[in-house]
Amino acid sequence: LVHSDLPAEQAADYASGWKEYYWLPLQKHFAALAGQGAKGATRTPAP
């Protein structure tokens, strides 16, 4: 990821937000799919 032109006073929050709201959930999502076997990218969405 290269995310540029962010408001300076908010950049640190977005940097941690990418980790918390995207990278970690993506890792969990694909780990859960792997646990289901080769069913592809479908699962019951979280609430």
ModelCIF file with pLDDT and N, C-alpha, C, O atoms, coordinates in Angstrom:
data_MODEL
#
_entry.id   MODEL 
#
_entity.id                         1 
_entity.type                       polymer 
_entity.pdbx_number_of_molecules   1 
#
_entity_poly.entity_id                      1 
_entity_poly.type                           'polypeptide(L)' 
_entity_poly.nstd_linkage                   no 
_entity_poly.nstd_monomer                   no 
_entity_poly.pdbx_seq_one_letter_code       LVHSDLPAEQAADYASGWKEYYWLPLQKHFAALAGQGAKGATRTPAP 
_entity_poly.pdbx_seq_one_letter_code_can   LVHSDLPAEQAADYASGWKEYYWLPLQKHFAALAGQGAKGATRTPAP 
_entity_poly.pdbx_strand_id                 A 
#
loop_
_entity_poly_seq.entity_id 
_entity_poly_seq.num 
_entity_poly_seq.mon_id 
_entity_poly_seq.hetero 
1 1  LEU n 
1 2  VAL n 
1 3  HIS n 
1 4  SER n 
1 5  ASP n 
1 6  LEU n 
1 7  PRO n 
1 8  ALA n 
1 9  GLU n 
1 10 GLN n 
1 11 ALA n 
1 12 ALA n 
1 13 ASP n 
1 14 TYR n 
1 15 ALA n 
1 16 SER n 
1 17 GLY n 
1 18 TRP n 
1 19 LYS n 
1 20 GLU n 
1 21 TYR n 
1 22 TYR n 
1 23 TRP n 
1 24 LEU n 
1 25 PRO n 
1 26 LEU n 
1 27 GLN n 
1 28 LYS n 
1 29 HIS n 
1 30 PHE n 
1 31 ALA n 
1 32 ALA n 
1 33 LEU n 
1 34 ALA n 
1 35 GLY n 
1 36 GLN n 
1 37 GLY n 
1 38 ALA n 
1 39 LYS n 
1 40 GLY n 
1 41 ALA n 
1 42 THR n 
1 43 ARG n 
1 44 THR n 
1 45 PRO n 
1 46 ALA n 
1 47 PRO n 
#
_struct_asym.id          A 
_struct_asym.entity_id   1 
#
loop_
_ma_qa_metric.id 
_ma_qa_metric.mode 
_ma_qa_metric.name 
_ma_qa_metric.software_group_id 
_ma_qa_metric.type 
1 global pLDDT . pLDDT 
2 local  pLDDT . pLDDT 
#
_ma_qa_metric_global.metric_id      1 
_ma_qa_metric_global.metric_value   82.09 
_ma_qa_metric_global.model_id       1 
_ma_qa_metric_global.ordinal_id     1 
#
loop_
_ma_qa_metric_local.label_asym_id 
_ma_qa_metric_local.label_comp_id 
_ma_qa_metric_local.label_seq_id 
_ma_qa_metric_local.metric_id 
_ma_qa_metric_local.metric_value 
_ma_qa_metric_local.model_id 
_ma_qa_metric_local.ordinal_id 
A LEU 1  2 98.00 1 1  
A VAL 2  2 98.00 1 2  
A HIS 3  2 98.00 1 3  
A SER 4  2 98.00 1 4  
A ASP 5  2 97.00 1 5  
A LEU 6  2 97.00 1 6  
A PRO 7  2 97.00 1 7  
A ALA 8  2 95.00 1 8  
A GLU 9  2 95.00 1 9  
A GLN 10 2 95.00 1 10 
A ALA 11 2 96.00 1 11 
A ALA 12 2 96.00 1 12 
A ASP 13 2 96.00 1 13 
A TYR 14 2 96.00 1 14 
A ALA 15 2 96.00 1 15 
A SER 16 2 96.00 1 16 
A GLY 17 2 96.00 1 17 
A TRP 18 2 97.00 1 18 
A LYS 19 2 96.00 1 19 
A GLU 20 2 96.00 1 20 
A TYR 21 2 96.00 1 21 
A TYR 22 2 96.00 1 22 
A TRP 23 2 97.00 1 23 
A LEU 24 2 96.00 1 24 
A PRO 25 2 96.00 1 25 
A LEU 26 2 96.00 1 26 
A GLN 27 2 95.00 1 27 
A LYS 28 2 95.00 1 28 
A HIS 29 2 95.00 1 29 
A PHE 30 2 94.00 1 30 
A ALA 31 2 92.00 1 31 
A ALA 32 2 90.00 1 32 
A LEU 33 2 87.00 1 33 
A ALA 34 2 83.00 1 34 
A GLY 35 2 78.00 1 35 
A GLN 36 2 69.00 1 36 
A GLY 37 2 56.00 1 37 
A ALA 38 2 46.00 1 38 
A LYS 39 2 46.00 1 39 
A GLY 40 2 44.00 1 40 
A ALA 41 2 42.00 1 41 
A THR 42 2 41.00 1 42 
A ARG 43 2 40.00 1 43 
A THR 44 2 38.00 1 44 
A PRO 45 2 39.00 1 45 
A ALA 46 2 42.00 1 46 
A PRO 47 2 40.00 1 47 
#
loop_
_atom_site.group_PDB 
_atom_site.id 
_atom_site.type_symbol 
_atom_site.label_atom_id 
_atom_site.label_alt_id 
_atom_site.label_comp_id 
_atom_site.label_asym_id 
_atom_site.label_entity_id 
_atom_site.label_seq_id 
_atom_site.pdbx_PDB_ins_code 
_atom_site.Cartn_x 
_atom_site.Cartn_y 
_atom_site.Cartn_z 
_atom_site.occupancy 
_atom_site.B_iso_or_equiv 
_atom_site.pdbx_formal_charge 
_atom_site.auth_seq_id 
_atom_site.auth_comp_id 
_atom_site.auth_asym_id 
_atom_site.auth_atom_id 
_atom_site.pdbx_PDB_model_num 
ATOM 1   N N  . LEU A 1 1  ? 0.834   -1.194  0.000  1.00 98.00 ? 1  LEU A N  1 
ATOM 2   C CA . LEU A 1 1  ? 0.000   0.000   0.000  1.00 98.00 ? 1  LEU A CA 1 
ATOM 3   C C  . LEU A 1 1  ? 0.874   1.251   0.000  1.00 98.00 ? 1  LEU A C  1 
ATOM 4   O O  . LEU A 1 1  ? 1.814   1.371   0.786  1.00 98.00 ? 1  LEU A O  1 
ATOM 5   N N  . VAL A 1 2  ? 0.546   2.172   -0.892 1.00 98.00 ? 2  VAL A N  1 
ATOM 6   C CA . VAL A 1 2  ? 1.080   3.524   -0.841 1.00 98.00 ? 2  VAL A CA 1 
ATOM 7   C C  . VAL A 1 2  ? -0.153  4.415   -0.821 1.00 98.00 ? 2  VAL A C  1 
ATOM 8   O O  . VAL A 1 2  ? -0.899  4.487   -1.798 1.00 98.00 ? 2  VAL A O  1 
ATOM 9   N N  . HIS A 1 3  ? -0.356  5.088   0.298  1.00 98.00 ? 3  HIS A N  1 
ATOM 10  C CA . HIS A 1 3  ? -1.538  5.941   0.480  1.00 98.00 ? 3  HIS A CA 1 
ATOM 11  C C  . HIS A 1 3  ? -1.018  7.362   0.707  1.00 98.00 ? 3  HIS A C  1 
ATOM 12  O O  . HIS A 1 3  ? -0.514  7.681   1.784  1.00 98.00 ? 3  HIS A O  1 
ATOM 13  N N  . SER A 1 4  ? -1.144  8.205   -0.311 1.00 98.00 ? 4  SER A N  1 
ATOM 14  C CA . SER A 1 4  ? -0.534  9.529   -0.276 1.00 98.00 ? 4  SER A CA 1 
ATOM 15  C C  . SER A 1 4  ? -1.577  10.642  -0.220 1.00 98.00 ? 4  SER A C  1 
ATOM 16  O O  . SER A 1 4  ? -2.774  10.422  -0.407 1.00 98.00 ? 4  SER A O  1 
ATOM 17  N N  . ASP A 1 5  ? -1.075  11.834  0.045  1.00 97.00 ? 5  ASP A N  1 
ATOM 18  C CA . ASP A 1 5  ? -1.898  13.048  0.127  1.00 97.00 ? 5  ASP A CA 1 
ATOM 19  C C  . ASP A 1 5  ? -2.928  12.989  1.249  1.00 97.00 ? 5  ASP A C  1 
ATOM 20  O O  . ASP A 1 5  ? -4.041  13.497  1.111  1.00 97.00 ? 5  ASP A O  1 
ATOM 21  N N  . LEU A 1 6  ? -2.547  12.363  2.360  1.00 97.00 ? 6  LEU A N  1 
ATOM 22  C CA . LEU A 1 6  ? -3.428  12.293  3.526  1.00 97.00 ? 6  LEU A CA 1 
ATOM 23  C C  . LEU A 1 6  ? -3.261  13.547  4.386  1.00 97.00 ? 6  LEU A C  1 
ATOM 24  O O  . LEU A 1 6  ? -2.154  14.074  4.498  1.00 97.00 ? 6  LEU A O  1 
ATOM 25  N N  . PRO A 1 7  ? -4.345  14.029  4.993  1.00 97.00 ? 7  PRO A N  1 
ATOM 26  C CA . PRO A 1 7  ? -4.205  15.150  5.920  1.00 97.00 ? 7  PRO A CA 1 
ATOM 27  C C  . PRO A 1 7  ? -3.174  14.778  6.998  1.00 97.00 ? 7  PRO A C  1 
ATOM 28  O O  . PRO A 1 7  ? -3.293  13.742  7.651  1.00 97.00 ? 7  PRO A O  1 
ATOM 29  N N  . ALA A 1 8  ? -2.173  15.630  7.171  1.00 95.00 ? 8  ALA A N  1 
ATOM 30  C CA . ALA A 1 8  ? -1.044  15.326  8.057  1.00 95.00 ? 8  ALA A CA 1 
ATOM 31  C C  . ALA A 1 8  ? -1.480  14.954  9.462  1.00 95.00 ? 8  ALA A C  1 
ATOM 32  O O  . ALA A 1 8  ? -0.932  14.024  10.054 1.00 95.00 ? 8  ALA A O  1 
ATOM 33  N N  . GLU A 1 9  ? -2.456  15.664  10.003 1.00 95.00 ? 9  GLU A N  1 
ATOM 34  C CA . GLU A 1 9  ? -2.874  15.425  11.384 1.00 95.00 ? 9  GLU A CA 1 
ATOM 35  C C  . GLU A 1 9  ? -3.646  14.116  11.548 1.00 95.00 ? 9  GLU A C  1 
ATOM 36  O O  . GLU A 1 9  ? -3.912  13.702  12.677 1.00 95.00 ? 9  GLU A O  1 
ATOM 37  N N  . GLN A 1 10 ? -4.008  13.459  10.452 1.00 95.00 ? 10 GLN A N  1 
ATOM 38  C CA . GLN A 1 10 ? -4.772  12.209  10.516 1.00 95.00 ? 10 GLN A CA 1 
ATOM 39  C C  . GLN A 1 10 ? -3.979  10.991  10.060 1.00 95.00 ? 10 GLN A C  1 
ATOM 40  O O  . GLN A 1 10 ? -4.440  9.864   10.240 1.00 95.00 ? 10 GLN A O  1 
ATOM 41  N N  . ALA A 1 11 ? -2.816  11.185  9.484  1.00 96.00 ? 11 ALA A N  1 
ATOM 42  C CA . ALA A 1 11 ? -2.074  10.091  8.864  1.00 96.00 ? 11 ALA A CA 1 
ATOM 43  C C  . ALA A 1 11 ? -1.781  8.938   9.825  1.00 96.00 ? 11 ALA A C  1 
ATOM 44  O O  . ALA A 1 11 ? -1.915  7.775   9.442  1.00 96.00 ? 11 ALA A O  1 
ATOM 45  N N  . ALA A 1 12 ? -1.393  9.230   11.039 1.00 96.00 ? 12 ALA A N  1 
ATOM 46  C CA . ALA A 1 12 ? -1.078  8.155   11.999 1.00 96.00 ? 12 ALA A CA 1 
ATOM 47  C C  . ALA A 1 12 ? -2.317  7.307   12.289 1.00 96.00 ? 12 ALA A C  1 
ATOM 48  O O  . ALA A 1 12 ? -2.213  6.089   12.435 1.00 96.00 ? 12 ALA A O  1 
ATOM 49  N N  . ASP A 1 13 ? -3.489  7.944   12.374 1.00 96.00 ? 13 ASP A N  1 
ATOM 50  C CA . ASP A 1 13 ? -4.722  7.187   12.608 1.00 96.00 ? 13 ASP A CA 1 
ATOM 51  C C  . ASP A 1 13 ? -5.048  6.281   11.427 1.00 96.00 ? 13 ASP A C  1 
ATOM 52  O O  . ASP A 1 13 ? -5.478  5.143   11.616 1.00 96.00 ? 13 ASP A O  1 
ATOM 53  N N  . TYR A 1 14 ? -4.846  6.781   10.205 1.00 96.00 ? 14 TYR A N  1 
ATOM 54  C CA . TYR A 1 14 ? -5.107  5.937   9.039  1.00 96.00 ? 14 TYR A CA 1 
ATOM 55  C C  . TYR A 1 14 ? -4.089  4.802   8.955  1.00 96.00 ? 14 TYR A C  1 
ATOM 56  O O  . TYR A 1 14 ? -4.441  3.690   8.559  1.00 96.00 ? 14 TYR A O  1 
ATOM 57  N N  . ALA A 1 15 ? -2.844  5.062   9.317  1.00 96.00 ? 15 ALA A N  1 
ATOM 58  C CA . ALA A 1 15 ? -1.830  4.000   9.301  1.00 96.00 ? 15 ALA A CA 1 
ATOM 59  C C  . ALA A 1 15 ? -2.237  2.858   10.226 1.00 96.00 ? 15 ALA A C  1 
ATOM 60  O O  . ALA A 1 15 ? -2.135  1.692   9.845  1.00 96.00 ? 15 ALA A O  1 
ATOM 61  N N  . SER A 1 16 ? -2.695  3.172   11.429 1.00 96.00 ? 16 SER A N  1 
ATOM 62  C CA . SER A 1 16 ? -3.139  2.105   12.329 1.00 96.00 ? 16 SER A CA 1 
ATOM 63  C C  . SER A 1 16 ? -4.471  1.526   11.865 1.00 96.00 ? 16 SER A C  1 
ATOM 64  O O  . SER A 1 16 ? -4.729  0.339   12.063 1.00 96.00 ? 16 SER A O  1 
ATOM 65  N N  . GLY A 1 17 ? -5.313  2.344   11.255 1.00 96.00 ? 17 GLY A N  1 
ATOM 66  C CA . GLY A 1 17 ? -6.598  1.867   10.746 1.00 96.00 ? 17 GLY A CA 1 
ATOM 67  C C  . GLY A 1 17 ? -6.448  0.823   9.650  1.00 96.00 ? 17 GLY A C  1 
ATOM 68  O O  . GLY A 1 17 ? -7.208  -0.145  9.610  1.00 96.00 ? 17 GLY A O  1 
ATOM 69  N N  . TRP A 1 18 ? -5.470  1.010   8.753  1.00 97.00 ? 18 TRP A N  1 
ATOM 70  C CA . TRP A 1 18 ? -5.256  -0.001  7.711  1.00 97.00 ? 18 TRP A CA 1 
ATOM 71  C C  . TRP A 1 18 ? -4.948  -1.347  8.343  1.00 97.00 ? 18 TRP A C  1 
ATOM 72  O O  . TRP A 1 18 ? -5.448  -2.379  7.893  1.00 97.00 ? 18 TRP A O  1 
ATOM 73  N N  . LYS A 1 19 ? -4.134  -1.338  9.374  1.00 96.00 ? 19 LYS A N  1 
ATOM 74  C CA . LYS A 1 19 ? -3.774  -2.598  10.032 1.00 96.00 ? 19 LYS A CA 1 
ATOM 75  C C  . LYS A 1 19 ? -4.987  -3.219  10.734 1.00 96.00 ? 19 LYS A C  1 
ATOM 76  O O  . LYS A 1 19 ? -5.268  -4.407  10.570 1.00 96.00 ? 19 LYS A O  1 
ATOM 77  N N  . GLU A 1 20 ? -5.690  -2.415  11.507 1.00 96.00 ? 20 GLU A N  1 
ATOM 78  C CA . GLU A 1 20 ? -6.796  -2.921  12.326 1.00 96.00 ? 20 GLU A CA 1 
ATOM 79  C C  . GLU A 1 20 ? -8.042  -3.279  11.520 1.00 96.00 ? 20 GLU A C  1 
ATOM 80  O O  . GLU A 1 20 ? -8.691  -4.285  11.804 1.00 96.00 ? 20 GLU A O  1 
ATOM 81  N N  . TYR A 1 21 ? -8.383  -2.471  10.521 1.00 96.00 ? 21 TYR A N  1 
ATOM 82  C CA . TYR A 1 21 ? -9.650  -2.660  9.809  1.00 96.00 ? 21 TYR A CA 1 
ATOM 83  C C  . TYR A 1 21 ? -9.513  -3.349  8.452  1.00 96.00 ? 21 TYR A C  1 
ATOM 84  O O  . TYR A 1 21 ? -10.517 -3.711  7.839  1.00 96.00 ? 21 TYR A O  1 
ATOM 85  N N  . TYR A 1 22 ? -8.270  -3.534  7.975  1.00 96.00 ? 22 TYR A N  1 
ATOM 86  C CA . TYR A 1 22 ? -8.082  -4.194  6.686  1.00 96.00 ? 22 TYR A CA 1 
ATOM 87  C C  . TYR A 1 22 ? -7.136  -5.378  6.746  1.00 96.00 ? 22 TYR A C  1 
ATOM 88  O O  . TYR A 1 22 ? -7.546  -6.496  6.434  1.00 96.00 ? 22 TYR A O  1 
ATOM 89  N N  . TRP A 1 23 ? -5.888  -5.176  7.136  1.00 97.00 ? 23 TRP A N  1 
ATOM 90  C CA . TRP A 1 23 ? -4.933  -6.282  7.031  1.00 97.00 ? 23 TRP A CA 1 
ATOM 91  C C  . TRP A 1 23 ? -5.278  -7.430  7.984  1.00 97.00 ? 23 TRP A C  1 
ATOM 92  O O  . TRP A 1 23 ? -5.285  -8.589  7.568  1.00 97.00 ? 23 TRP A O  1 
ATOM 93  N N  . LEU A 1 24 ? -5.557  -7.133  9.227  1.00 96.00 ? 24 LEU A N  1 
ATOM 94  C CA . LEU A 1 24 ? -5.913  -8.195  10.169 1.00 96.00 ? 24 LEU A CA 1 
ATOM 95  C C  . LEU A 1 24 ? -7.217  -8.894  9.771  1.00 96.00 ? 24 LEU A C  1 
ATOM 96  O O  . LEU A 1 24 ? -7.251  -10.124 9.774  1.00 96.00 ? 24 LEU A O  1 
ATOM 97  N N  . PRO A 1 25 ? -8.292  -8.171  9.427  1.00 96.00 ? 25 PRO A N  1 
ATOM 98  C CA . PRO A 1 25 ? -9.510  -8.853  8.981  1.00 96.00 ? 25 PRO A CA 1 
ATOM 99  C C  . PRO A 1 25 ? -9.314  -9.670  7.698  1.00 96.00 ? 25 PRO A C  1 
ATOM 100 O O  . PRO A 1 25 ? -9.900  -10.744 7.561  1.00 96.00 ? 25 PRO A O  1 
ATOM 101 N N  . LEU A 1 26 ? -8.499  -9.174  6.759  1.00 96.00 ? 26 LEU A N  1 
ATOM 102 C CA . LEU A 1 26 ? -8.226  -9.954  5.548  1.00 96.00 ? 26 LEU A CA 1 
ATOM 103 C C  . LEU A 1 26 ? -7.526  -11.264 5.905  1.00 96.00 ? 26 LEU A C  1 
ATOM 104 O O  . LEU A 1 26 ? -7.872  -12.319 5.374  1.00 96.00 ? 26 LEU A O  1 
ATOM 105 N N  . GLN A 1 27 ? -6.543  -11.198 6.801  1.00 95.00 ? 27 GLN A N  1 
ATOM 106 C CA . GLN A 1 27 ? -5.842  -12.409 7.203  1.00 95.00 ? 27 GLN A CA 1 
ATOM 107 C C  . GLN A 1 27 ? -6.796  -13.398 7.870  1.00 95.00 ? 27 GLN A C  1 
ATOM 108 O O  . GLN A 1 27 ? -6.747  -14.596 7.591  1.00 95.00 ? 27 GLN A O  1 
ATOM 109 N N  . LYS A 1 28 ? -7.660  -12.900 8.747  1.00 95.00 ? 28 LYS A N  1 
ATOM 110 C CA . LYS A 1 28 ? -8.631  -13.769 9.413  1.00 95.00 ? 28 LYS A CA 1 
ATOM 111 C C  . LYS A 1 28 ? -9.627  -14.344 8.409  1.00 95.00 ? 28 LYS A C  1 
ATOM 112 O O  . LYS A 1 28 ? -9.986  -15.519 8.491  1.00 95.00 ? 28 LYS A O  1 
ATOM 113 N N  . HIS A 1 29 ? -10.069 -13.529 7.472  1.00 95.00 ? 29 HIS A N  1 
ATOM 114 C CA . HIS A 1 29 ? -11.035 -13.954 6.451  1.00 95.00 ? 29 HIS A CA 1 
ATOM 115 C C  . HIS A 1 29 ? -10.487 -15.140 5.656  1.00 95.00 ? 29 HIS A C  1 
ATOM 116 O O  . HIS A 1 29 ? -11.171 -16.149 5.486  1.00 95.00 ? 29 HIS A O  1 
ATOM 117 N N  . PHE A 1 30 ? -9.250  -15.012 5.173  1.00 94.00 ? 30 PHE A N  1 
ATOM 118 C CA . PHE A 1 30 ? -8.691  -16.089 4.360  1.00 94.00 ? 30 PHE A CA 1 
ATOM 119 C C  . PHE A 1 30 ? -8.281  -17.292 5.197  1.00 94.00 ? 30 PHE A C  1 
ATOM 120 O O  . PHE A 1 30 ? -8.286  -18.415 4.693  1.00 94.00 ? 30 PHE A O  1 
ATOM 121 N N  . ALA A 1 31 ? -7.929  -17.089 6.456  1.00 92.00 ? 31 ALA A N  1 
ATOM 122 C CA . ALA A 1 31 ? -7.666  -18.225 7.344  1.00 92.00 ? 31 ALA A CA 1 
ATOM 123 C C  . ALA A 1 31 ? -8.954  -19.006 7.572  1.00 92.00 ? 31 ALA A C  1 
ATOM 124 O O  . ALA A 1 31 ? -8.938  -20.237 7.600  1.00 92.00 ? 31 ALA A O  1 
ATOM 125 N N  . ALA A 1 32 ? -10.079 -18.291 7.736  1.00 90.00 ? 32 ALA A N  1 
ATOM 126 C CA . ALA A 1 32 ? -11.375 -18.960 7.922  1.00 90.00 ? 32 ALA A CA 1 
ATOM 127 C C  . ALA A 1 32 ? -11.766 -19.723 6.667  1.00 90.00 ? 32 ALA A C  1 
ATOM 128 O O  . ALA A 1 32 ? -12.283 -20.837 6.754  1.00 90.00 ? 32 ALA A O  1 
ATOM 129 N N  . LEU A 1 33 ? -11.522 -19.132 5.497  1.00 87.00 ? 33 LEU A N  1 
ATOM 130 C CA . LEU A 1 33 ? -11.838 -19.822 4.243  1.00 87.00 ? 33 LEU A CA 1 
ATOM 131 C C  . LEU A 1 33 ? -10.989 -21.072 4.092  1.00 87.00 ? 33 LEU A C  1 
ATOM 132 O O  . LEU A 1 33 ? -11.477 -22.101 3.624  1.00 87.00 ? 33 LEU A O  1 
ATOM 133 N N  . ALA A 1 34 ? -9.719  -20.993 4.485  1.00 83.00 ? 34 ALA A N  1 
ATOM 134 C CA . ALA A 1 34 ? -8.843  -22.160 4.396  1.00 83.00 ? 34 ALA A CA 1 
ATOM 135 C C  . ALA A 1 34 ? -9.370  -23.275 5.296  1.00 83.00 ? 34 ALA A C  1 
ATOM 136 O O  . ALA A 1 34 ? -9.253  -24.455 4.965  1.00 83.00 ? 34 ALA A O  1 
ATOM 137 N N  . GLY A 1 35 ? -9.946  -22.899 6.425  1.00 78.00 ? 35 GLY A N  1 
ATOM 138 C CA . GLY A 1 35 ? -10.522 -23.873 7.344  1.00 78.00 ? 35 GLY A CA 1 
ATOM 139 C C  . GLY A 1 35 ? -11.761 -24.549 6.793  1.00 78.00 ? 35 GLY A C  1 
ATOM 140 O O  . GLY A 1 35 ? -12.150 -25.616 7.268  1.00 78.00 ? 35 GLY A O  1 
ATOM 141 N N  . GLN A 1 36 ? -12.395 -23.930 5.778  1.00 69.00 ? 36 GLN A N  1 
ATOM 142 C CA . GLN A 1 36 ? -13.586 -24.504 5.147  1.00 69.00 ? 36 GLN A CA 1 
ATOM 143 C C  . GLN A 1 36 ? -13.225 -25.425 3.998  1.00 69.00 ? 36 GLN A C  1 
ATOM 144 O O  . GLN A 1 36 ? -14.109 -26.054 3.415  1.00 69.00 ? 36 GLN A O  1 
ATOM 145 N N  . GLY A 1 37 ? -11.947 -25.520 3.660  1.00 56.00 ? 37 GLY A N  1 
ATOM 146 C CA . GLY A 1 37 ? -11.560 -26.313 2.513  1.00 56.00 ? 37 GLY A CA 1 
ATOM 147 C C  . GLY A 1 37 ? -11.571 -25.461 1.269  1.00 56.00 ? 37 GLY A C  1 
ATOM 148 O O  . GLY A 1 37 ? -11.493 -24.236 1.358  1.00 56.00 ? 37 GLY A O  1 
ATOM 149 N N  . ALA A 1 38 ? -11.666 -26.080 0.119  1.00 46.00 ? 38 ALA A N  1 
ATOM 150 C CA . ALA A 1 38 ? -11.587 -25.372 -1.158 1.00 46.00 ? 38 ALA A CA 1 
ATOM 151 C C  . ALA A 1 38 ? -12.963 -24.927 -1.637 1.00 46.00 ? 38 ALA A C  1 
ATOM 152 O O  . ALA A 1 38 ? -13.359 -25.268 -2.751 1.00 46.00 ? 38 ALA A O  1 
ATOM 153 N N  . LYS A 1 39 ? -13.683 -24.191 -0.843 1.00 46.00 ? 39 LYS A N  1 
ATOM 154 C CA . LYS A 1 39 ? -15.020 -23.730 -1.220 1.00 46.00 ? 39 LYS A CA 1 
ATOM 155 C C  . LYS A 1 39 ? -14.998 -22.358 -1.883 1.00 46.00 ? 39 LYS A C  1 
ATOM 156 O O  . LYS A 1 39 ? -16.053 -21.833 -2.238 1.00 46.00 ? 39 LYS A O  1 
ATOM 157 N N  . GLY A 1 40 ? -13.824 -21.773 -2.055 1.00 44.00 ? 40 GLY A N  1 
ATOM 158 C CA . GLY A 1 40 ? -13.760 -20.462 -2.691 1.00 44.00 ? 40 GLY A CA 1 
ATOM 159 C C  . GLY A 1 40 ? -13.958 -19.341 -1.693 1.00 44.00 ? 40 GLY A C  1 
ATOM 160 O O  . GLY A 1 40 ? -13.895 -19.554 -0.482 1.00 44.00 ? 40 GLY A O  1 
ATOM 161 N N  . ALA A 1 41 ? -14.195 -18.159 -2.202 1.00 42.00 ? 41 ALA A N  1 
ATOM 162 C CA . ALA A 1 41 ? -14.272 -16.954 -1.364 1.00 42.00 ? 41 ALA A CA 1 
ATOM 163 C C  . ALA A 1 41 ? -15.694 -16.662 -0.923 1.00 42.00 ? 41 ALA A C  1 
ATOM 164 O O  . ALA A 1 41 ? -16.181 -15.542 -1.076 1.00 42.00 ? 41 ALA A O  1 
ATOM 165 N N  . THR A 1 42 ? -16.355 -17.663 -0.378 1.00 41.00 ? 42 THR A N  1 
ATOM 166 C CA . THR A 1 42 ? -17.691 -17.412 0.150  1.00 41.00 ? 42 THR A CA 1 
ATOM 167 C C  . THR A 1 42 ? -17.771 -17.919 1.576  1.00 41.00 ? 42 THR A C  1 
ATOM 168 O O  . THR A 1 42 ? -17.195 -18.951 1.922  1.00 41.00 ? 42 THR A O  1 
ATOM 169 N N  . ARG A 1 43 ? -18.482 -17.188 2.380  1.00 40.00 ? 43 ARG A N  1 
ATOM 170 C CA . ARG A 1 43 ? -18.750 -17.584 3.747  1.00 40.00 ? 43 ARG A CA 1 
ATOM 171 C C  . ARG A 1 43 ? -19.869 -16.700 4.244  1.00 40.00 ? 43 ARG A C  1 
ATOM 172 O O  . ARG A 1 43 ? -20.221 -15.714 3.596  1.00 40.00 ? 43 ARG A O  1 
ATOM 173 N N  . THR A 1 44 ? -20.423 -17.038 5.370  1.00 38.00 ? 44 THR A N  1 
ATOM 174 C CA . THR A 1 44 ? -21.459 -16.199 5.942  1.00 38.00 ? 44 THR A CA 1 
ATOM 175 C C  . THR A 1 44 ? -20.811 -14.931 6.468  1.00 38.00 ? 44 THR A C  1 
ATOM 176 O O  . THR A 1 44 ? -19.910 -15.005 7.303  1.00 38.00 ? 44 THR A O  1 
ATOM 177 N N  . PRO A 1 45 ? -21.257 -13.746 5.990  1.00 39.00 ? 45 PRO A N  1 
ATOM 178 C CA . PRO A 1 45 ? -20.632 -12.515 6.453  1.00 39.00 ? 45 PRO A CA 1 
ATOM 179 C C  . PRO A 1 45 ? -20.837 -12.309 7.948  1.00 39.00 ? 45 PRO A C  1 
ATOM 180 O O  . PRO A 1 45 ? -21.816 -12.771 8.535  1.00 39.00 ? 45 PRO A O  1 
ATOM 181 N N  . ALA A 1 46 ? -19.882 -11.602 8.544  1.00 42.00 ? 46 ALA A N  1 
ATOM 182 C CA . ALA A 1 46 ? -20.031 -11.195 9.939  1.00 42.00 ? 46 ALA A CA 1 
ATOM 183 C C  . ALA A 1 46 ? -21.185 -10.215 10.028 1.00 42.00 ? 46 ALA A C  1 
ATOM 184 O O  . ALA A 1 46 ? -21.522 -9.578  9.030  1.00 42.00 ? 46 ALA A O  1 
ATOM 185 N N  . PRO A 1 47 ? -21.799 -10.076 11.187 1.00 40.00 ? 47 PRO A N  1 
ATOM 186 C CA . PRO A 1 47 ? -22.875 -9.096  11.308 1.00 40.00 ? 47 PRO A CA 1 
ATOM 187 C C  . PRO A 1 47 ? -22.372 -7.722  10.881 1.00 40.00 ? 47 PRO A C  1 
ATOM 188 O O  . PRO A 1 47 ? -23.128 -6.751  10.909 1.00 40.00 ? 47 PRO A O  1 
#
